[in-house]
Amino acid sequence: MARCAICDKGAHFGIKVSHSHRRSNKMWKSNVKSVRVMTEQGAKKMYVCTSCLRSGKVERA
């Protein structure tokens, strides 16, 4: 679910490092919202990241 339908932005993976330098795997999920978007066929519900919403790449229904 954490994948944008417009820019295909998904989760990022990396390593979390504690203060004592113990390392463990970490995942950062993208900020994805379920919104109604206008398409050629009409209004459709999509998962869109907030950066696409703020930049105006999609038009809300």
PDB file of N, CA and C in Angstrom:
ATOM      1  N   MET A   1       0.824  -1.193   0.000  1.00  0.00           N
ATOM      2  CA  MET A   1       0.000   0.000   0.000  1.00  0.00           C
ATOM      3  C   MET A   1       0.863   1.251   0.000  1.00  0.00           C
ATOM      4  N   ALA A   2       2.047   1.204   0.542  1.00  0.00           N
ATOM      5  CA  ALA A   2       2.876   2.407   0.639  1.00  0.00           C
ATOM      6  C   ALA A   2       3.612   2.651  -0.665  1.00  0.00           C
ATOM      7  N   ARG A   3       2.867   2.799  -1.772  1.00  0.00           N
ATOM      8  CA  ARG A   3       3.454   3.093  -3.079  1.00  0.00           C
ATOM      9  C   ARG A   3       2.539   4.066  -3.805  1.00  0.00           C
ATOM     10  N   CYS A   4       3.138   5.145  -4.305  1.00  0.00           N
ATOM     11  CA  CYS A   4       2.385   6.194  -4.996  1.00  0.00           C
ATOM     12  C   CYS A   4       1.987   5.709  -6.389  1.00  0.00           C
ATOM     13  N   ALA A   5       0.742   5.982  -6.792  1.00  0.00           N
ATOM     14  CA  ALA A   5       0.267   5.582  -8.109  1.00  0.00           C
ATOM     15  C   ALA A   5       0.769   6.522  -9.194  1.00  0.00           C
ATOM     16  N   ILE A   6       1.230   7.713  -8.845  1.00  0.00           N
ATOM     17  CA  ILE A   6       1.676   8.703  -9.829  1.00  0.00           C
ATOM     18  C   ILE A   6       3.179   8.581 -10.082  1.00  0.00           C
ATOM     19  N   CYS A   7       3.998   8.731  -9.041  1.00  0.00           N
ATOM     20  CA  CYS A   7       5.450   8.748  -9.217  1.00  0.00           C
ATOM     21  C   CYS A   7       6.103   7.425  -8.842  1.00  0.00           C
ATOM     22  N   ASP A   8       5.338   6.450  -8.388  1.00  0.00           N
ATOM     23  CA  ASP A   8       5.821   5.120  -8.028  1.00  0.00           C
ATOM     24  C   ASP A   8       6.831   5.163  -6.884  1.00  0.00           C
ATOM     25  N   LYS A   9       6.703   6.160  -6.010  1.00  0.00           N
ATOM     26  CA  LYS A   9       7.578   6.243  -4.837  1.00  0.00           C
ATOM     27  C   LYS A   9       7.157   5.173  -3.834  1.00  0.00           C
ATOM     28  N   GLY A  10       8.138   4.462  -3.289  1.00  0.00           N
ATOM     29  CA  GLY A  10       7.851   3.387  -2.351  1.00  0.00           C
ATOM     30  C   GLY A  10       8.663   3.512  -1.084  1.00  0.00           C
ATOM     31  N   ALA A  11       8.822   2.406  -0.406  1.00  0.00           N
ATOM     32  CA  ALA A  11       9.554   2.384   0.851  1.00  0.00           C
ATOM     33  C   ALA A  11      11.054   2.427   0.587  1.00  0.00           C
ATOM     34  N   HIS A  12      11.803   3.023   1.524  1.00  0.00           N
ATOM     35  CA  HIS A  12      13.252   3.069   1.466  1.00  0.00           C
ATOM     36  C   HIS A  12      13.805   2.202   2.598  1.00  0.00           C
ATOM     37  N   PHE A  13      14.909   1.550   2.332  1.00  0.00           N
ATOM     38  CA  PHE A  13      15.519   0.669   3.315  1.00  0.00           C
ATOM     39  C   PHE A  13      16.898   1.182   3.678  1.00  0.00           C
ATOM     40  N   GLY A  14      17.282   0.964   4.913  1.00  0.00           N
ATOM     41  CA  GLY A  14      18.589   1.391   5.372  1.00  0.00           C
ATOM     42  C   GLY A  14      18.933   0.700   6.669  1.00  0.00           C
ATOM     43  N   ILE A  15      19.895   1.254   7.371  1.00  0.00           N
ATOM     44  CA  ILE A  15      20.357   0.679   8.632  1.00  0.00           C
ATOM     45  C   ILE A  15      20.206   1.713   9.731  1.00  0.00           C
ATOM     46  N   LYS A  16      19.522   1.316  10.801  1.00  0.00           N
ATOM     47  CA  LYS A  16      19.370   2.157  11.982  1.00  0.00           C
ATOM     48  C   LYS A  16      20.580   1.925  12.875  1.00  0.00           C
ATOM     49  N   VAL A  17      21.239   2.996  13.311  1.00  0.00           N
ATOM     50  CA  VAL A  17      22.426   2.890  14.157  1.00  0.00           C
ATOM     51  C   VAL A  17      22.122   3.561  15.485  1.00  0.00           C
ATOM     52  N   SER A  18      22.245   2.817  16.576  1.00  0.00           N
ATOM     53  CA  SER A  18      21.956   3.356  17.898  1.00  0.00           C
ATOM     54  C   SER A  18      23.146   4.159  18.414  1.00  0.00           C
ATOM     55  N   HIS A  19      22.980   4.719  19.585  1.00  0.00           N
ATOM     56  CA  HIS A  19      24.055   5.499  20.194  1.00  0.00           C
ATOM     57  C   HIS A  19      25.272   4.631  20.498  1.00  0.00           C
ATOM     58  N   SER A  20      25.044   3.363  20.870  1.00  0.00           N
ATOM     59  CA  SER A  20      26.148   2.446  21.130  1.00  0.00           C
ATOM     60  C   SER A  20      26.637   1.765  19.852  1.00  0.00           C
ATOM     61  N   HIS A  21      26.168   2.239  18.699  1.00  0.00           N
ATOM     62  CA  HIS A  21      26.558   1.791  17.365  1.00  0.00           C
ATOM     63  C   HIS A  21      26.111   0.364  17.065  1.00  0.00           C
ATOM     64  N   ARG A  22      25.041  -0.083  17.688  1.00  0.00           N
ATOM     65  CA  ARG A  22      24.433  -1.358  17.294  1.00  0.00           C
ATOM     66  C   ARG A  22      23.597  -1.089  16.054  1.00  0.00           C
ATOM     67  N   ARG A  23      23.702  -1.963  15.065  1.00  0.00           N
ATOM     68  CA  ARG A  23      23.063  -1.726  13.781  1.00  0.00           C
ATOM     69  C   ARG A  23      21.922  -2.717  13.566  1.00  0.00           C
ATOM     70  N   SER A  24      20.805  -2.211  13.061  1.00  0.00           N
ATOM     71  CA  SER A  24      19.679  -3.063  12.717  1.00  0.00           C
ATOM     72  C   SER A  24      18.991  -2.473  11.489  1.00  0.00           C
ATOM     73  N   ASN A  25      18.231  -3.303  10.807  1.00  0.00           N
ATOM     74  CA  ASN A  25      17.575  -2.880   9.579  1.00  0.00           C
ATOM     75  C   ASN A  25      16.404  -1.955   9.897  1.00  0.00           C
ATOM     76  N   LYS A  26      16.150  -1.013   9.002  1.00  0.00           N
ATOM     77  CA  LYS A  26      15.071  -0.051   9.182  1.00  0.00           C
ATOM     78  C   LYS A  26      14.399   0.183   7.844  1.00  0.00           C
ATOM     79  N   MET A  27      13.099   0.473   7.888  1.00  0.00           N
ATOM     80  CA  MET A  27      12.346   0.781   6.680  1.00  0.00           C
ATOM     81  C   MET A  27      11.619   2.107   6.876  1.00  0.00           C
ATOM     82  N   TRP A  28      11.750   3.009   5.913  1.00  0.00           N
ATOM     83  CA  TRP A  28      11.020   4.276   5.916  1.00  0.00           C
ATOM     84  C   TRP A  28       9.933   4.176   4.871  1.00  0.00           C
ATOM     85  N   LYS A  29       8.679   4.290   5.298  1.00  0.00           N
ATOM     86  CA  LYS A  29       7.562   4.233   4.357  1.00  0.00           C
ATOM     87  C   LYS A  29       7.257   5.640   3.851  1.00  0.00           C
ATOM     88  N   SER A  30       6.824   5.728   2.600  1.00  0.00           N
ATOM     89  CA  SER A  30       6.485   7.021   2.029  1.00  0.00           C
ATOM     90  C   SER A  30       5.111   7.458   2.553  1.00  0.00           C
ATOM     91  N   ASN A  31       4.908   8.778   2.573  1.00  0.00           N
ATOM     92  CA  ASN A  31       3.668   9.350   3.096  1.00  0.00           C
ATOM     93  C   ASN A  31       2.618   9.301   1.999  1.00  0.00           C
ATOM     94  N   VAL A  32       1.793   8.242   1.999  1.00  0.00           N
ATOM     95  CA  VAL A  32       0.828   7.980   0.939  1.00  0.00           C
ATOM     96  C   VAL A  32      -0.575   8.121   1.507  1.00  0.00           C
ATOM     97  N   LYS A  33      -1.426   8.867   0.791  1.00  0.00           N
ATOM     98  CA  LYS A  33      -2.807   9.072   1.205  1.00  0.00           C
ATOM     99  C   LYS A  33      -3.748   8.476   0.170  1.00  0.00           C
ATOM    100  N   SER A  34      -4.911   8.042   0.600  1.00  0.00           N
ATOM    101  CA  SER A  34      -5.948   7.565  -0.294  1.00  0.00           C
ATOM    102  C   SER A  34      -6.849   8.749  -0.639  1.00  0.00           C
ATOM    103  N   VAL A  35      -6.818   9.188  -1.892  1.00  0.00           N
ATOM    104  CA  VAL A  35      -7.586  10.360  -2.312  1.00  0.00           C
ATOM    105  C   VAL A  35      -8.370  10.029  -3.577  1.00  0.00           C
ATOM    106  N   ARG A  36      -9.442  10.805  -3.797  1.00  0.00           N
ATOM    107  CA  ARG A  36     -10.199  10.704  -5.045  1.00  0.00           C
ATOM    108  C   ARG A  36      -9.580  11.653  -6.050  1.00  0.00           C
ATOM    109  N   VAL A  37      -9.218  11.118  -7.222  1.00  0.00           N
ATOM    110  CA  VAL A  37      -8.468  11.853  -8.234  1.00  0.00           C
ATOM    111  C   VAL A  37      -9.286  11.879  -9.523  1.00  0.00           C
ATOM    112  N   MET A  38      -9.240  13.015 -10.220  1.00  0.00           N
ATOM    113  CA  MET A  38      -9.907  13.114 -11.516  1.00  0.00           C
ATOM    114  C   MET A  38      -9.017  12.494 -12.591  1.00  0.00           C
ATOM    115  N   THR A  39      -9.580  11.561 -13.377  1.00  0.00           N
ATOM    116  CA  THR A  39      -8.890  10.951 -14.511  1.00  0.00           C
ATOM    117  C   THR A  39      -9.751  11.167 -15.753  1.00  0.00           C
ATOM    118  N   GLU A  40      -9.314  10.605 -16.898  1.00  0.00           N
ATOM    119  CA  GLU A  40     -10.106  10.738 -18.118  1.00  0.00           C
ATOM    120  C   GLU A  40     -11.438  10.008 -17.997  1.00  0.00           C
ATOM    121  N   GLN A  41     -11.458   8.910 -17.256  1.00  0.00           N
ATOM    122  CA  GLN A  41     -12.687   8.130 -17.090  1.00  0.00           C
ATOM    123  C   GLN A  41     -13.607   8.705 -16.026  1.00  0.00           C
ATOM    124  N   GLY A  42     -13.126   9.638 -15.229  1.00  0.00           N
ATOM    125  CA  GLY A  42     -13.912  10.222 -14.150  1.00  0.00           C
ATOM    126  C   GLY A  42     -13.143  10.158 -12.847  1.00  0.00           C
ATOM    127  N   ALA A  43     -13.881  10.261 -11.745  1.00  0.00           N
ATOM    128  CA  ALA A  43     -13.250  10.245 -10.426  1.00  0.00           C
ATOM    129  C   ALA A  43     -12.842   8.823 -10.074  1.00  0.00           C
ATOM    130  N   LYS A  44     -11.635   8.676  -9.539  1.00  0.00           N
ATOM    131  CA  LYS A  44     -11.102   7.366  -9.188  1.00  0.00           C
ATOM    132  C   LYS A  44     -10.329   7.494  -7.884  1.00  0.00           C
ATOM    133  N   LYS A  45     -10.410   6.482  -7.039  1.00  0.00           N
ATOM    134  CA  LYS A  45      -9.689   6.491  -5.774  1.00  0.00           C
ATOM    135  C   LYS A  45      -8.308   5.901  -5.985  1.00  0.00           C
ATOM    136  N   MET A  46      -7.280   6.656  -5.566  1.00  0.00           N
ATOM    137  CA  MET A  46      -5.897   6.224  -5.753  1.00  0.00           C
ATOM    138  C   MET A  46      -5.102   6.497  -4.494  1.00  0.00           C
ATOM    139  N   TYR A  47      -3.964   5.804  -4.390  1.00  0.00           N
ATOM    140  CA  TYR A  47      -2.993   6.103  -3.349  1.00  0.00           C
ATOM    141  C   TYR A  47      -1.949   7.036  -3.944  1.00  0.00           C
ATOM    142  N   VAL A  48      -1.854   8.259  -3.392  1.00  0.00           N
ATOM    143  CA  VAL A  48      -0.974   9.291  -3.925  1.00  0.00           C
ATOM    144  C   VAL A  48      -0.120   9.818  -2.780  1.00  0.00           C
ATOM    145  N   CYS A  49       1.194  10.014  -3.043  1.00  0.00           N
ATOM    146  CA  CYS A  49       2.062  10.554  -2.001  1.00  0.00           C
ATOM    147  C   CYS A  49       1.800  12.051  -1.844  1.00  0.00           C
ATOM    148  N   THR A  50       2.152  12.573  -0.699  1.00  0.00           N
ATOM    149  CA  THR A  50       1.851  13.964  -0.393  1.00  0.00           C
ATOM    150  C   THR A  50       2.684  14.931  -1.222  1.00  0.00           C
ATOM    151  N   SER A  51       3.866  14.518  -1.677  1.00  0.00           N
ATOM    152  CA  SER A  51       4.655  15.405  -2.528  1.00  0.00           C
ATOM    153  C   SER A  51       3.991  15.589  -3.886  1.00  0.00           C
ATOM    154  N   CYS A  52       3.322  14.571  -4.427  1.00  0.00           N
ATOM    155  CA  CYS A  52       2.575  14.724  -5.675  1.00  0.00           C
ATOM    156  C   CYS A  52       1.325  15.573  -5.463  1.00  0.00           C
ATOM    157  N   LEU A  53       0.689  15.453  -4.307  1.00  0.00           N
ATOM    158  CA  LEU A  53      -0.487  16.278  -4.016  1.00  0.00           C
ATOM    159  C   LEU A  53      -0.106  17.743  -3.900  1.00  0.00           C
ATOM    160  N   ARG A  54       1.014  18.038  -3.225  1.00  0.00           N
ATOM    161  CA  ARG A  54       1.418  19.424  -3.016  1.00  0.00           C
ATOM    162  C   ARG A  54       1.941  20.070  -4.289  1.00  0.00           C
ATOM    163  N   SER A  55       2.578  19.279  -5.167  1.00  0.00           N
ATOM    164  CA  SER A  55       3.152  19.857  -6.381  1.00  0.00           C
ATOM    165  C   SER A  55       2.111  20.077  -7.467  1.00  0.00           C
ATOM    166  N   GLY A  56       0.906  19.525  -7.318  1.00  0.00           N
ATOM    167  CA  GLY A  56      -0.143  19.720  -8.301  1.00  0.00           C
ATOM    168  C   GLY A  56      -0.087  18.746  -9.453  1.00  0.00           C
ATOM    169  N   LYS A  57       0.543  17.585  -9.281  1.00  0.00           N
ATOM    170  CA  LYS A  57       0.597  16.589 -10.343  1.00  0.00           C
ATOM    171  C   LYS A  57      -0.757  15.902 -10.540  1.00  0.00           C
ATOM    172  N   VAL A  58      -1.601  15.935  -9.517  1.00  0.00           N
ATOM    173  CA  VAL A  58      -2.925  15.339  -9.604  1.00  0.00           C
ATOM    174  C   VAL A  58      -3.970  16.388  -9.263  1.00  0.00           C
ATOM    175  N   GLU A  59      -5.171  16.161  -9.772  1.00  0.00           N
ATOM    176  CA  GLU A  59      -6.289  17.056  -9.476  1.00  0.00           C
ATOM    177  C   GLU A  59      -7.305  16.272  -8.657  1.00  0.00           C
ATOM    178  N   ARG A  60      -7.627  16.804  -7.490  1.00  0.00           N
ATOM    179  CA  ARG A  60      -8.582  16.117  -6.622  1.00  0.00           C
ATOM    180  C   ARG A  60      -9.995  16.220  -7.193  1.00  0.00           C
ATOM    181  N   ALA A  61     -10.789  15.197  -6.909  1.00  0.00           N
ATOM    182  CA  ALA A  61     -12.183  15.178  -7.368  1.00  0.00           C
ATOM    183  C   ALA A  61     -13.094  15.766  -6.307  1.00  0.00           C
TER     184      ALA A  61
END
